Amino acid sequence: MKILAAIHDLMFSSKVTASAGGKPIEWLKRGTRVTEQVAASQPDVLLIDLASPQLDAVNAIREIKSGACKSCTVIGYVDHTRADLIEAARAAGCDQVMSKGEFARRLPELLEGI
């Protein structure tokens, strides 16, 4: 299984690495559009920081789910106070949207099934 992480926050990056249990993780390259890297690498799972200003996450999810990699499971996280972004991500097709706390807590479980 291929995992692509579109996360630039060092705290969450280190949590993903620690929770991966040695599974290889491809990290979104700075300056690369999420949709371009998803199309190139065809991951099974995309972990995405919905609030990252560099990512335009909602539009990226919409593009991914409409063609670039429809079968890719998208798991996004955002601060629980961002109800607008939570709803927008769900409407765009994000498979799982969770708060930062829930994402951090459930990360080992999420990556274990991959």
PDB file of N, CA and C in Angstrom:
ATOM      1  N   MET A   1       0.834  -1.190   0.000  1.00  0.00           N
ATOM      2  CA  MET A   1       0.000   0.000   0.000  1.00  0.00           C
ATOM      3  C   MET A   1       0.875   1.247   0.000  1.00  0.00           C
ATOM      4  N   LYS A   2       0.477   2.199  -0.799  1.00  0.00           N
ATOM      5  CA  LYS A   2       1.206   3.457  -0.894  1.00  0.00           C
ATOM      6  C   LYS A   2       0.503   4.540  -0.077  1.00  0.00           C
ATOM      7  N   ILE A   3       1.295   5.258   0.720  1.00  0.00           N
ATOM      8  CA  ILE A   3       0.779   6.358   1.519  1.00  0.00           C
ATOM      9  C   ILE A   3       1.462   7.641   1.061  1.00  0.00           C
ATOM     10  N   LEU A   4       0.648   8.646   0.751  1.00  0.00           N
ATOM     11  CA  LEU A   4       1.163   9.974   0.430  1.00  0.00           C
ATOM     12  C   LEU A   4       0.704  10.906   1.532  1.00  0.00           C
ATOM     13  N   ALA A   5       1.628  11.656   2.111  1.00  0.00           N
ATOM     14  CA  ALA A   5       1.301  12.590   3.178  1.00  0.00           C
ATOM     15  C   ALA A   5       1.511  14.019   2.694  1.00  0.00           C
ATOM     16  N   ALA A   6       0.427  14.778   2.665  1.00  0.00           N
ATOM     17  CA  ALA A   6       0.482  16.203   2.315  1.00  0.00           C
ATOM     18  C   ALA A   6       0.380  16.978   3.620  1.00  0.00           C
ATOM     19  N   ILE A   7       1.467  16.929   4.369  1.00  0.00           N
ATOM     20  CA  ILE A   7       1.532  17.528   5.701  1.00  0.00           C
ATOM     21  C   ILE A   7       2.854  18.266   5.808  1.00  0.00           C
ATOM     22  N   HIS A   8       2.792  19.549   6.133  1.00  0.00           N
ATOM     23  CA  HIS A   8       4.010  20.334   6.287  1.00  0.00           C
ATOM     24  C   HIS A   8       4.303  20.680   7.742  1.00  0.00           C
ATOM     25  N   ASP A   9       3.391  20.371   8.642  1.00  0.00           N
ATOM     26  CA  ASP A   9       3.551  20.633  10.067  1.00  0.00           C
ATOM     27  C   ASP A   9       4.503  19.591  10.647  1.00  0.00           C
ATOM     28  N   LEU A  10       5.615  20.034  11.222  1.00  0.00           N
ATOM     29  CA  LEU A  10       6.632  19.104  11.712  1.00  0.00           C
ATOM     30  C   LEU A  10       6.110  18.186  12.814  1.00  0.00           C
ATOM     31  N   MET A  11       5.246  18.703  13.681  1.00  0.00           N
ATOM     32  CA  MET A  11       4.711  17.882  14.754  1.00  0.00           C
ATOM     33  C   MET A  11       3.913  16.703  14.186  1.00  0.00           C
ATOM     34  N   PHE A  12       3.045  16.989  13.225  1.00  0.00           N
ATOM     35  CA  PHE A  12       2.231  15.924  12.647  1.00  0.00           C
ATOM     36  C   PHE A  12       3.054  15.039  11.715  1.00  0.00           C
ATOM     37  N   SER A  13       4.034  15.593  11.055  1.00  0.00           N
ATOM     38  CA  SER A  13       4.916  14.774  10.211  1.00  0.00           C
ATOM     39  C   SER A  13       5.629  13.723  11.045  1.00  0.00           C
ATOM     40  N   SER A  14       6.128  14.144  12.197  1.00  0.00           N
ATOM     41  CA  SER A  14       6.837  13.190  13.058  1.00  0.00           C
ATOM     42  C   SER A  14       5.874  12.151  13.623  1.00  0.00           C
ATOM     43  N   LYS A  15       4.629  12.535  13.917  1.00  0.00           N
ATOM     44  CA  LYS A  15       3.633  11.571  14.407  1.00  0.00           C
ATOM     45  C   LYS A  15       3.314  10.539  13.327  1.00  0.00           C
ATOM     46  N   VAL A  16       3.196  10.982  12.083  1.00  0.00           N
ATOM     47  CA  VAL A  16       2.918  10.055  10.983  1.00  0.00           C
ATOM     48  C   VAL A  16       4.075   9.073  10.833  1.00  0.00           C
ATOM     49  N   THR A  17       5.290   9.589  10.840  1.00  0.00           N
ATOM     50  CA  THR A  17       6.465   8.727  10.697  1.00  0.00           C
ATOM     51  C   THR A  17       6.533   7.704  11.829  1.00  0.00           C
ATOM     52  N   ALA A  18       6.304   8.157  13.058  1.00  0.00           N
ATOM     53  CA  ALA A  18       6.359   7.257  14.214  1.00  0.00           C
ATOM     54  C   ALA A  18       5.248   6.209  14.171  1.00  0.00           C
ATOM     55  N   SER A  19       4.090   6.586  13.669  1.00  0.00           N
ATOM     56  CA  SER A  19       2.940   5.674  13.640  1.00  0.00           C
ATOM     57  C   SER A  19       2.964   4.713  12.458  1.00  0.00           C
ATOM     58  N   ALA A  20       3.796   4.988  11.479  1.00  0.00           N
ATOM     59  CA  ALA A  20       3.803   4.183  10.253  1.00  0.00           C
ATOM     60  C   ALA A  20       4.389   2.793  10.466  1.00  0.00           C
ATOM     61  N   GLY A  21       5.128   2.611  11.525  1.00  0.00           N
ATOM     62  CA  GLY A  21       5.675   1.283  11.797  1.00  0.00           C
ATOM     63  C   GLY A  21       6.562   0.761  10.689  1.00  0.00           C
ATOM     64  N   GLY A  22       7.335   1.632  10.083  1.00  0.00           N
ATOM     65  CA  GLY A  22       8.247   1.216   9.029  1.00  0.00           C
ATOM     66  C   GLY A  22       7.653   1.198   7.634  1.00  0.00           C
ATOM     67  N   LYS A  23       6.344   1.425   7.530  1.00  0.00           N
ATOM     68  CA  LYS A  23       5.732   1.488   6.201  1.00  0.00           C
ATOM     69  C   LYS A  23       6.285   2.711   5.477  1.00  0.00           C
ATOM     70  N   PRO A  24       6.568   2.575   4.192  1.00  0.00           N
ATOM     71  CA  PRO A  24       7.096   3.729   3.463  1.00  0.00           C
ATOM     72  C   PRO A  24       6.025   4.807   3.272  1.00  0.00           C
ATOM     73  N   ILE A  25       6.440   6.028   3.491  1.00  0.00           N
ATOM     74  CA  ILE A  25       5.544   7.171   3.308  1.00  0.00           C
ATOM     75  C   ILE A  25       6.194   8.110   2.310  1.00  0.00           C
ATOM     76  N   GLU A  26       5.433   8.486   1.318  1.00  0.00           N
ATOM     77  CA  GLU A  26       5.895   9.485   0.358  1.00  0.00           C
ATOM     78  C   GLU A  26       5.360  10.830   0.851  1.00  0.00           C
ATOM     79  N   TRP A  27       6.238  11.816   0.914  1.00  0.00           N
ATOM     80  CA  TRP A  27       5.850  13.138   1.401  1.00  0.00           C
ATOM     81  C   TRP A  27       5.668  14.080   0.226  1.00  0.00           C
ATOM     82  N   LEU A  28       4.633  14.895   0.290  1.00  0.00           N
ATOM     83  CA  LEU A  28       4.398  15.879  -0.752  1.00  0.00           C
ATOM     84  C   LEU A  28       5.592  16.823  -0.811  1.00  0.00           C
ATOM     85  N   LYS A  29       6.134  16.957  -2.000  1.00  0.00           N
ATOM     86  CA  LYS A  29       7.286  17.833  -2.175  1.00  0.00           C
ATOM     87  C   LYS A  29       6.828  19.291  -2.133  1.00  0.00           C
ATOM     88  N   ARG A  30       7.573  20.114  -1.445  1.00  0.00           N
ATOM     89  CA  ARG A  30       7.231  21.546  -1.370  1.00  0.00           C
ATOM     90  C   ARG A  30       7.183  22.128  -2.772  1.00  0.00           C
ATOM     91  N   GLY A  31       6.170  22.928  -3.014  1.00  0.00           N
ATOM     92  CA  GLY A  31       6.014  23.550  -4.315  1.00  0.00           C
ATOM     93  C   GLY A  31       5.294  22.685  -5.338  1.00  0.00           C
ATOM     94  N   THR A  32       4.945  21.467  -4.957  1.00  0.00           N
ATOM     95  CA  THR A  32       4.229  20.559  -5.855  1.00  0.00           C
ATOM     96  C   THR A  32       2.747  20.595  -5.515  1.00  0.00           C
ATOM     97  N   ARG A  33       1.914  20.630  -6.526  1.00  0.00           N
ATOM     98  CA  ARG A  33       0.467  20.562  -6.291  1.00  0.00           C
ATOM     99  C   ARG A  33       0.106  19.148  -5.865  1.00  0.00           C
ATOM    100  N   VAL A  34      -0.808  19.039  -4.919  1.00  0.00           N
ATOM    101  CA  VAL A  34      -1.239  17.741  -4.415  1.00  0.00           C
ATOM    102  C   VAL A  34      -1.729  16.865  -5.565  1.00  0.00           C
ATOM    103  N   THR A  35      -2.547  17.430  -6.429  1.00  0.00           N
ATOM    104  CA  THR A  35      -3.126  16.636  -7.522  1.00  0.00           C
ATOM    105  C   THR A  35      -2.052  16.099  -8.466  1.00  0.00           C
ATOM    106  N   GLU A  36      -0.997  16.876  -8.695  1.00  0.00           N
ATOM    107  CA  GLU A  36       0.081  16.420  -9.572  1.00  0.00           C
ATOM    108  C   GLU A  36       0.796  15.209  -8.974  1.00  0.00           C
ATOM    109  N   GLN A  37       1.093  15.285  -7.674  1.00  0.00           N
ATOM    110  CA  GLN A  37       1.812  14.171  -7.058  1.00  0.00           C
ATOM    111  C   GLN A  37       0.915  12.944  -6.910  1.00  0.00           C
ATOM    112  N   VAL A  38      -0.378  13.156  -6.638  1.00  0.00           N
ATOM    113  CA  VAL A  38      -1.308  12.028  -6.562  1.00  0.00           C
ATOM    114  C   VAL A  38      -1.395  11.343  -7.924  1.00  0.00           C
ATOM    115  N   ALA A  39      -1.511  12.125  -8.989  1.00  0.00           N
ATOM    116  CA  ALA A  39      -1.589  11.550 -10.338  1.00  0.00           C
ATOM    117  C   ALA A  39      -0.319  10.784 -10.686  1.00  0.00           C
ATOM    118  N   ALA A  40       0.828  11.303 -10.258  1.00  0.00           N
ATOM    119  CA  ALA A  40       2.098  10.655 -10.579  1.00  0.00           C
ATOM    120  C   ALA A  40       2.341   9.392  -9.765  1.00  0.00           C
ATOM    121  N   SER A  41       1.994   9.418  -8.481  1.00  0.00           N
ATOM    122  CA  SER A  41       2.333   8.281  -7.624  1.00  0.00           C
ATOM    123  C   SER A  41       1.181   7.310  -7.376  1.00  0.00           C
ATOM    124  N   GLN A  42      -0.061   7.726  -7.655  1.00  0.00           N
ATOM    125  CA  GLN A  42      -1.234   6.862  -7.485  1.00  0.00           C
ATOM    126  C   GLN A  42      -1.246   6.180  -6.104  1.00  0.00           C
ATOM    127  N   PRO A  43      -1.270   6.968  -5.019  1.00  0.00           N
ATOM    128  CA  PRO A  43      -1.271   6.359  -3.690  1.00  0.00           C
ATOM    129  C   PRO A  43      -2.611   5.699  -3.373  1.00  0.00           C
ATOM    130  N   ASP A  44      -2.580   4.792  -2.422  1.00  0.00           N
ATOM    131  CA  ASP A  44      -3.811   4.169  -1.934  1.00  0.00           C
ATOM    132  C   ASP A  44      -4.481   5.078  -0.906  1.00  0.00           C
ATOM    133  N   VAL A  45      -3.637   5.811  -0.157  1.00  0.00           N
ATOM    134  CA  VAL A  45      -4.130   6.694   0.899  1.00  0.00           C
ATOM    135  C   VAL A  45      -3.413   8.033   0.820  1.00  0.00           C
ATOM    136  N   LEU A  46      -4.191   9.100   0.957  1.00  0.00           N
ATOM    137  CA  LEU A  46      -3.647  10.451   1.049  1.00  0.00           C
ATOM    138  C   LEU A  46      -4.010  11.001   2.411  1.00  0.00           C
ATOM    139  N   LEU A  47      -2.993  11.380   3.189  1.00  0.00           N
ATOM    140  CA  LEU A  47      -3.191  12.066   4.459  1.00  0.00           C
ATOM    141  C   LEU A  47      -2.969  13.545   4.170  1.00  0.00           C
ATOM    142  N   ILE A  48      -3.938  14.400   4.529  1.00  0.00           N
ATOM    143  CA  ILE A  48      -3.829  15.800   4.142  1.00  0.00           C
ATOM    144  C   ILE A  48      -4.248  16.745   5.258  1.00  0.00           C
ATOM    145  N   ASP A  49      -3.441  17.776   5.445  1.00  0.00           N
ATOM    146  CA  ASP A  49      -3.745  18.855   6.385  1.00  0.00           C
ATOM    147  C   ASP A  49      -4.686  19.808   5.655  1.00  0.00           C
ATOM    148  N   LEU A  50      -5.941  19.776   6.025  1.00  0.00           N
ATOM    149  CA  LEU A  50      -6.951  20.565   5.314  1.00  0.00           C
ATOM    150  C   LEU A  50      -6.755  22.064   5.449  1.00  0.00           C
ATOM    151  N   ALA A  51      -6.095  22.499   6.510  1.00  0.00           N
ATOM    152  CA  ALA A  51      -5.938  23.932   6.754  1.00  0.00           C
ATOM    153  C   ALA A  51      -4.635  24.507   6.218  1.00  0.00           C
ATOM    154  N   SER A  52      -3.796  23.699   5.634  1.00  0.00           N
ATOM    155  CA  SER A  52      -2.513  24.199   5.135  1.00  0.00           C
ATOM    156  C   SER A  52      -2.747  25.181   3.990  1.00  0.00           C
ATOM    157  N   PRO A  53      -2.296  26.418   4.153  1.00  0.00           N
ATOM    158  CA  PRO A  53      -2.539  27.417   3.105  1.00  0.00           C
ATOM    159  C   PRO A  53      -1.821  27.114   1.784  1.00  0.00           C
ATOM    160  N   GLN A  54      -0.770  26.309   1.826  1.00  0.00           N
ATOM    161  CA  GLN A  54      -0.029  25.972   0.604  1.00  0.00           C
ATOM    162  C   GLN A  54      -0.727  24.918  -0.246  1.00  0.00           C
ATOM    163  N   LEU A  55      -1.707  24.214   0.294  1.00  0.00           N
ATOM    164  CA  LEU A  55      -2.241  23.038  -0.385  1.00  0.00           C
ATOM    165  C   LEU A  55      -3.531  23.239  -1.166  1.00  0.00           C
ATOM    166  N   ASP A  56      -4.344  24.211  -0.802  1.00  0.00           N
ATOM    167  CA  ASP A  56      -5.685  24.346  -1.394  1.00  0.00           C
ATOM    168  C   ASP A  56      -6.361  22.977  -1.366  1.00  0.00           C
ATOM    169  N   ALA A  57      -6.435  22.423  -0.161  1.00  0.00           N
ATOM    170  CA  ALA A  57      -6.847  21.039   0.047  1.00  0.00           C
ATOM    171  C   ALA A  57      -8.223  20.702  -0.505  1.00  0.00           C
ATOM    172  N   VAL A  58      -9.194  21.551  -0.295  1.00  0.00           N
ATOM    173  CA  VAL A  58     -10.558  21.228  -0.738  1.00  0.00           C
ATOM    174  C   VAL A  58     -10.616  21.075  -2.251  1.00  0.00           C
ATOM    175  N   ASN A  59     -10.013  21.994  -2.979  1.00  0.00           N
ATOM    176  CA  ASN A  59     -10.003  21.872  -4.437  1.00  0.00           C
ATOM    177  C   ASN A  59      -9.188  20.660  -4.890  1.00  0.00           C
ATOM    178  N   ALA A  60      -8.105  20.373  -4.183  1.00  0.00           N
ATOM    179  CA  ALA A  60      -7.293  19.199  -4.522  1.00  0.00           C
ATOM    180  C   ALA A  60      -8.112  17.918  -4.342  1.00  0.00           C
ATOM    181  N   ILE A  61      -8.846  17.828  -3.241  1.00  0.00           N
ATOM    182  CA  ILE A  61      -9.675  16.639  -3.001  1.00  0.00           C
ATOM    183  C   ILE A  61     -10.726  16.498  -4.093  1.00  0.00           C
ATOM    184  N   ARG A  62     -11.349  17.603  -4.440  1.00  0.00           N
ATOM    185  CA  ARG A  62     -12.378  17.573  -5.493  1.00  0.00           C
ATOM    186  C   ARG A  62     -11.782  17.049  -6.800  1.00  0.00           C
ATOM    187  N   GLU A  63     -10.603  17.544  -7.176  1.00  0.00           N
ATOM    188  CA  GLU A  63      -9.949  17.098  -8.415  1.00  0.00           C
ATOM    189  C   GLU A  63      -9.547  15.626  -8.341  1.00  0.00           C
ATOM    190  N   ILE A  64      -9.008  15.219  -7.202  1.00  0.00           N
ATOM    191  CA  ILE A  64      -8.575  13.830  -7.035  1.00  0.00           C
ATOM    192  C   ILE A  64      -9.760  12.886  -7.157  1.00  0.00           C
ATOM    193  N   LYS A  65     -10.832  13.198  -6.475  1.00  0.00           N
ATOM    194  CA  LYS A  65     -12.000  12.319  -6.456  1.00  0.00           C
ATOM    195  C   LYS A  65     -12.789  12.347  -7.770  1.00  0.00           C
ATOM    196  N   SER A  66     -12.539  13.354  -8.600  1.00  0.00           N
ATOM    197  CA  SER A  66     -13.246  13.399  -9.876  1.00  0.00           C
ATOM    198  C   SER A  66     -12.413  12.836 -11.024  1.00  0.00           C
ATOM    199  N   GLY A  67     -11.213  12.359 -10.722  1.00  0.00           N
ATOM    200  CA  GLY A  67     -10.487  11.788 -11.835  1.00  0.00           C
ATOM    201  C   GLY A  67      -9.063  11.375 -11.600  1.00  0.00           C
ATOM    202  N   ALA A  68      -8.269  12.176 -10.911  1.00  0.00           N
ATOM    203  CA  ALA A  68      -6.840  11.888 -10.795  1.00  0.00           C
ATOM    204  C   ALA A  68      -6.567  10.539 -10.130  1.00  0.00           C
ATOM    205  N   CYS A  69      -7.377  10.189  -9.150  1.00  0.00           N
ATOM    206  CA  CYS A  69      -7.163   8.937  -8.425  1.00  0.00           C
ATOM    207  C   CYS A  69      -8.417   8.662  -7.593  1.00  0.00           C
ATOM    208  N   LYS A  70      -9.498   8.345  -8.273  1.00  0.00           N
ATOM    209  CA  LYS A  70     -10.802   8.176  -7.622  1.00  0.00           C
ATOM    210  C   LYS A  70     -10.783   7.179  -6.475  1.00  0.00           C
ATOM    211  N   SER A  71      -9.991   6.134  -6.593  1.00  0.00           N
ATOM    212  CA  SER A  71      -9.991   5.086  -5.578  1.00  0.00           C
ATOM    213  C   SER A  71      -9.110   5.414  -4.371  1.00  0.00           C
ATOM    214  N   CYS A  72      -8.377   6.500  -4.432  1.00  0.00           N
ATOM    215  CA  CYS A  72      -7.514   6.907  -3.327  1.00  0.00           C
ATOM    216  C   CYS A  72      -8.373   7.290  -2.114  1.00  0.00           C
ATOM    217  N   THR A  73      -8.058   6.718  -0.966  1.00  0.00           N
ATOM    218  CA  THR A  73      -8.742   7.082   0.273  1.00  0.00           C
ATOM    219  C   THR A  73      -8.099   8.354   0.811  1.00  0.00           C
ATOM    220  N   VAL A  74      -8.909   9.386   1.023  1.00  0.00           N
ATOM    221  CA  VAL A  74      -8.399  10.661   1.508  1.00  0.00           C
ATOM    222  C   VAL A  74      -8.810  10.841   2.964  1.00  0.00           C
ATOM    223  N   ILE A  75      -7.804  11.027   3.823  1.00  0.00           N
ATOM    224  CA  ILE A  75      -8.033  11.266   5.241  1.00  0.00           C
ATOM    225  C   ILE A  75      -7.491  12.653   5.559  1.00  0.00           C
ATOM    226  N   GLY A  76      -8.390  13.551   5.935  1.00  0.00           N
ATOM    227  CA  GLY A  76      -8.001  14.921   6.225  1.00  0.00           C
ATOM    228  C   GLY A  76      -8.216  15.279   7.676  1.00  0.00           C
ATOM    229  N   TYR A  77      -7.408  16.218   8.153  1.00  0.00           N
ATOM    230  CA  TYR A  77      -7.584  16.700   9.519  1.00  0.00           C
ATOM    231  C   TYR A  77      -7.498  18.220   9.537  1.00  0.00           C
ATOM    232  N   VAL A  78      -8.161  18.795  10.542  1.00  0.00           N
ATOM    233  CA  VAL A  78      -8.220  20.248  10.679  1.00  0.00           C
ATOM    234  C   VAL A  78      -8.627  20.571  12.115  1.00  0.00           C
ATOM    235  N   ASP A  79      -8.364  21.772  12.548  1.00  0.00           N
ATOM    236  CA  ASP A  79      -8.788  22.213  13.867  1.00  0.00           C
ATOM    237  C   ASP A  79     -10.303  22.058  13.989  1.00  0.00           C
ATOM    238  N   HIS A  80     -10.772  21.558  15.110  1.00  0.00           N
ATOM    239  CA  HIS A  80     -12.205  21.272  15.291  1.00  0.00           C
ATOM    240  C   HIS A  80     -13.092  22.512  15.180  1.00  0.00           C
ATOM    241  N   THR A  81     -12.518  23.695  15.296  1.00  0.00           N
ATOM    242  CA  THR A  81     -13.319  24.923  15.206  1.00  0.00           C
ATOM    243  C   THR A  81     -13.603  25.331  13.768  1.00  0.00           C
ATOM    244  N   ARG A  82     -12.994  24.677  12.804  1.00  0.00           N
ATOM    245  CA  ARG A  82     -13.149  25.035  11.389  1.00  0.00           C
ATOM    246  C   ARG A  82     -14.289  24.259  10.735  1.00  0.00           C
ATOM    247  N   ALA A  83     -15.501  24.472  11.236  1.00  0.00           N
ATOM    248  CA  ALA A  83     -16.678  23.775  10.712  1.00  0.00           C
ATOM    249  C   ALA A  83     -16.854  24.009   9.220  1.00  0.00           C
ATOM    250  N   ASP A  84     -16.520  25.215   8.751  1.00  0.00           N
ATOM    251  CA  ASP A  84     -16.636  25.528   7.324  1.00  0.00           C
ATOM    252  C   ASP A  84     -15.744  24.630   6.483  1.00  0.00           C
ATOM    253  N   LEU A  85     -14.531  24.437   6.932  1.00  0.00           N
ATOM    254  CA  LEU A  85     -13.567  23.610   6.202  1.00  0.00           C
ATOM    255  C   LEU A  85     -13.912  22.128   6.313  1.00  0.00           C
ATOM    256  N   ILE A  86     -14.425  21.726   7.444  1.00  0.00           N
ATOM    257  CA  ILE A  86     -14.855  20.336   7.627  1.00  0.00           C
ATOM    258  C   ILE A  86     -15.962  20.000   6.636  1.00  0.00           C
ATOM    259  N   GLU A  87     -16.963  20.854   6.547  1.00  0.00           N
ATOM    260  CA  GLU A  87     -18.080  20.619   5.622  1.00  0.00           C
ATOM    261  C   GLU A  87     -17.626  20.682   4.169  1.00  0.00           C
ATOM    262  N   ALA A  88     -16.760  21.639   3.845  1.00  0.00           N
ATOM    263  CA  ALA A  88     -16.267  21.773   2.468  1.00  0.00           C
ATOM    264  C   ALA A  88     -15.479  20.531   2.050  1.00  0.00           C
ATOM    265  N   ALA A  89     -14.658  19.999   2.957  1.00  0.00           N
ATOM    266  CA  ALA A  89     -13.869  18.803   2.647  1.00  0.00           C
ATOM    267  C   ALA A  89     -14.772  17.599   2.423  1.00  0.00           C
ATOM    268  N   ARG A  90     -15.776  17.464   3.268  1.00  0.00           N
ATOM    269  CA  ARG A  90     -16.722  16.351   3.091  1.00  0.00           C
ATOM    270  C   ARG A  90     -17.458  16.474   1.763  1.00  0.00           C
ATOM    271  N   ALA A  91     -17.899  17.684   1.449  1.00  0.00           N
ATOM    272  CA  ALA A  91     -18.621  17.912   0.189  1.00  0.00           C
ATOM    273  C   ALA A  91     -17.719  17.633  -1.015  1.00  0.00           C
ATOM    274  N   ALA A  92     -16.409  17.872  -0.878  1.00  0.00           N
ATOM    275  CA  ALA A  92     -15.469  17.644  -1.972  1.00  0.00           C
ATOM    276  C   ALA A  92     -15.167  16.156  -2.171  1.00  0.00           C
ATOM    277  N   GLY A  93     -15.520  15.329  -1.174  1.00  0.00           N
ATOM    278  CA  GLY A  93     -15.302  13.892  -1.310  1.00  0.00           C
ATOM    279  C   GLY A  93     -14.279  13.288  -0.369  1.00  0.00           C
ATOM    280  N   CYS A  94     -13.827  14.057   0.619  1.00  0.00           N
ATOM    281  CA  CYS A  94     -12.865  13.532   1.593  1.00  0.00           C
ATOM    282  C   CYS A  94     -13.508  12.350   2.322  1.00  0.00           C
ATOM    283  N   ASP A  95     -12.830  11.214   2.335  1.00  0.00           N
ATOM    284  CA  ASP A  95     -13.389   9.991   2.913  1.00  0.00           C
ATOM    285  C   ASP A  95     -13.535  10.061   4.431  1.00  0.00           C
ATOM    286  N   GLN A  96     -12.547  10.644   5.091  1.00  0.00           N
ATOM    287  CA  GLN A  96     -12.605  10.815   6.542  1.00  0.00           C
ATOM    288  C   GLN A  96     -12.074  12.194   6.883  1.00  0.00           C
ATOM    289  N   VAL A  97     -12.861  12.933   7.652  1.00  0.00           N
ATOM    290  CA  VAL A  97     -12.447  14.253   8.119  1.00  0.00           C
ATOM    291  C   VAL A  97     -12.483  14.208   9.637  1.00  0.00           C
ATOM    292  N   MET A  98     -11.378  14.594  10.245  1.00  0.00           N
ATOM    293  CA  MET A  98     -11.337  14.552  11.703  1.00  0.00           C
ATOM    294  C   MET A  98     -10.578  15.750  12.266  1.00  0.00           C
ATOM    295  N   SER A  99     -10.783  15.976  13.539  1.00  0.00           N
ATOM    296  CA  SER A  99     -10.064  17.056  14.214  1.00  0.00           C
ATOM    297  C   SER A  99      -8.596  16.665  14.350  1.00  0.00           C
ATOM    298  N   LYS A 100      -7.751  17.647  14.621  1.00  0.00           N
ATOM    299  CA  LYS A 100      -6.328  17.364  14.815  1.00  0.00           C
ATOM    300  C   LYS A 100      -6.114  16.363  15.943  1.00  0.00           C
ATOM    301  N   GLY A 101      -6.853  16.550  17.034  1.00  0.00           N
ATOM    302  CA  GLY A 101      -6.711  15.649  18.176  1.00  0.00           C
ATOM    303  C   GLY A 101      -7.104  14.225  17.841  1.00  0.00           C
ATOM    304  N   GLU A 102      -8.218  14.074  17.142  1.00  0.00           N
ATOM    305  CA  GLU A 102      -8.669  12.738  16.756  1.00  0.00           C
ATOM    306  C   GLU A 102      -7.680  12.098  15.787  1.00  0.00           C
ATOM    307  N   PHE A 103      -7.176  12.895  14.842  1.00  0.00           N
ATOM    308  CA  PHE A 103      -6.201  12.391  13.874  1.00  0.00           C
ATOM    309  C   PHE A 103      -4.959  11.878  14.609  1.00  0.00           C
ATOM    310  N   ALA A 104      -4.442  12.674  15.521  1.00  0.00           N
ATOM    311  CA  ALA A 104      -3.243  12.282  16.269  1.00  0.00           C
ATOM    312  C   ALA A 104      -3.504  11.034  17.097  1.00  0.00           C
ATOM    313  N   ARG A 105      -4.670  10.951  17.729  1.00  0.00           N
ATOM    314  CA  ARG A 105      -5.018   9.817  18.575  1.00  0.00           C
ATOM    315  C   ARG A 105      -5.232   8.543  17.761  1.00  0.00           C
ATOM    316  N   ARG A 106      -5.885   8.662  16.603  1.00  0.00           N
ATOM    317  CA  ARG A 106      -6.238   7.493  15.799  1.00  0.00           C
ATOM    318  C   ARG A 106      -5.191   7.109  14.751  1.00  0.00           C
ATOM    319  N   LEU A 107      -4.157   7.901  14.614  1.00  0.00           N
ATOM    320  CA  LEU A 107      -3.168   7.676  13.563  1.00  0.00           C
ATOM    321  C   LEU A 107      -2.590   6.261  13.555  1.00  0.00           C
ATOM    322  N   PRO A 108      -2.173   5.700  14.690  1.00  0.00           N
ATOM    323  CA  PRO A 108      -1.654   4.328  14.639  1.00  0.00           C
ATOM    324  C   PRO A 108      -2.703   3.344  14.094  1.00  0.00           C
ATOM    325  N   GLU A 109      -3.941   3.500  14.506  1.00  0.00           N
ATOM    326  CA  GLU A 109      -5.018   2.631  14.038  1.00  0.00           C
ATOM    327  C   GLU A 109      -5.270   2.831  12.538  1.00  0.00           C
ATOM    328  N   LEU A 110      -5.256   4.076  12.090  1.00  0.00           N
ATOM    329  CA  LEU A 110      -5.491   4.370  10.677  1.00  0.00           C
ATOM    330  C   LEU A 110      -4.411   3.763   9.788  1.00  0.00           C
ATOM    331  N   LEU A 111      -3.163   3.884  10.227  1.00  0.00           N
ATOM    332  CA  LEU A 111      -2.046   3.379   9.423  1.00  0.00           C
ATOM    333  C   LEU A 111      -1.855   1.867   9.564  1.00  0.00           C
ATOM    334  N   GLU A 112      -2.355   1.301  10.643  1.00  0.00           N
ATOM    335  CA  GLU A 112      -2.232  -0.142  10.844  1.00  0.00           C
ATOM    336  C   GLU A 112      -2.995  -0.912   9.769  1.00  0.00           C
ATOM    337  N   GLY A 113      -4.142  -0.378   9.368  1.00  0.00           N
ATOM    338  CA  GLY A 113      -4.957  -1.053   8.369  1.00  0.00           C
ATOM    339  C   GLY A 113      -4.474  -0.892   6.949  1.00  0.00           C
ATOM    340  N   ILE A 114      -3.409  -0.147   6.769  1.00  0.00           N
ATOM    341  CA  ILE A 114      -2.903   0.129   5.415  1.00  0.00           C
ATOM    342  C   ILE A 114      -1.831  -0.880   5.054  1.00  0.00           C
TER     343      ILE A 114
END
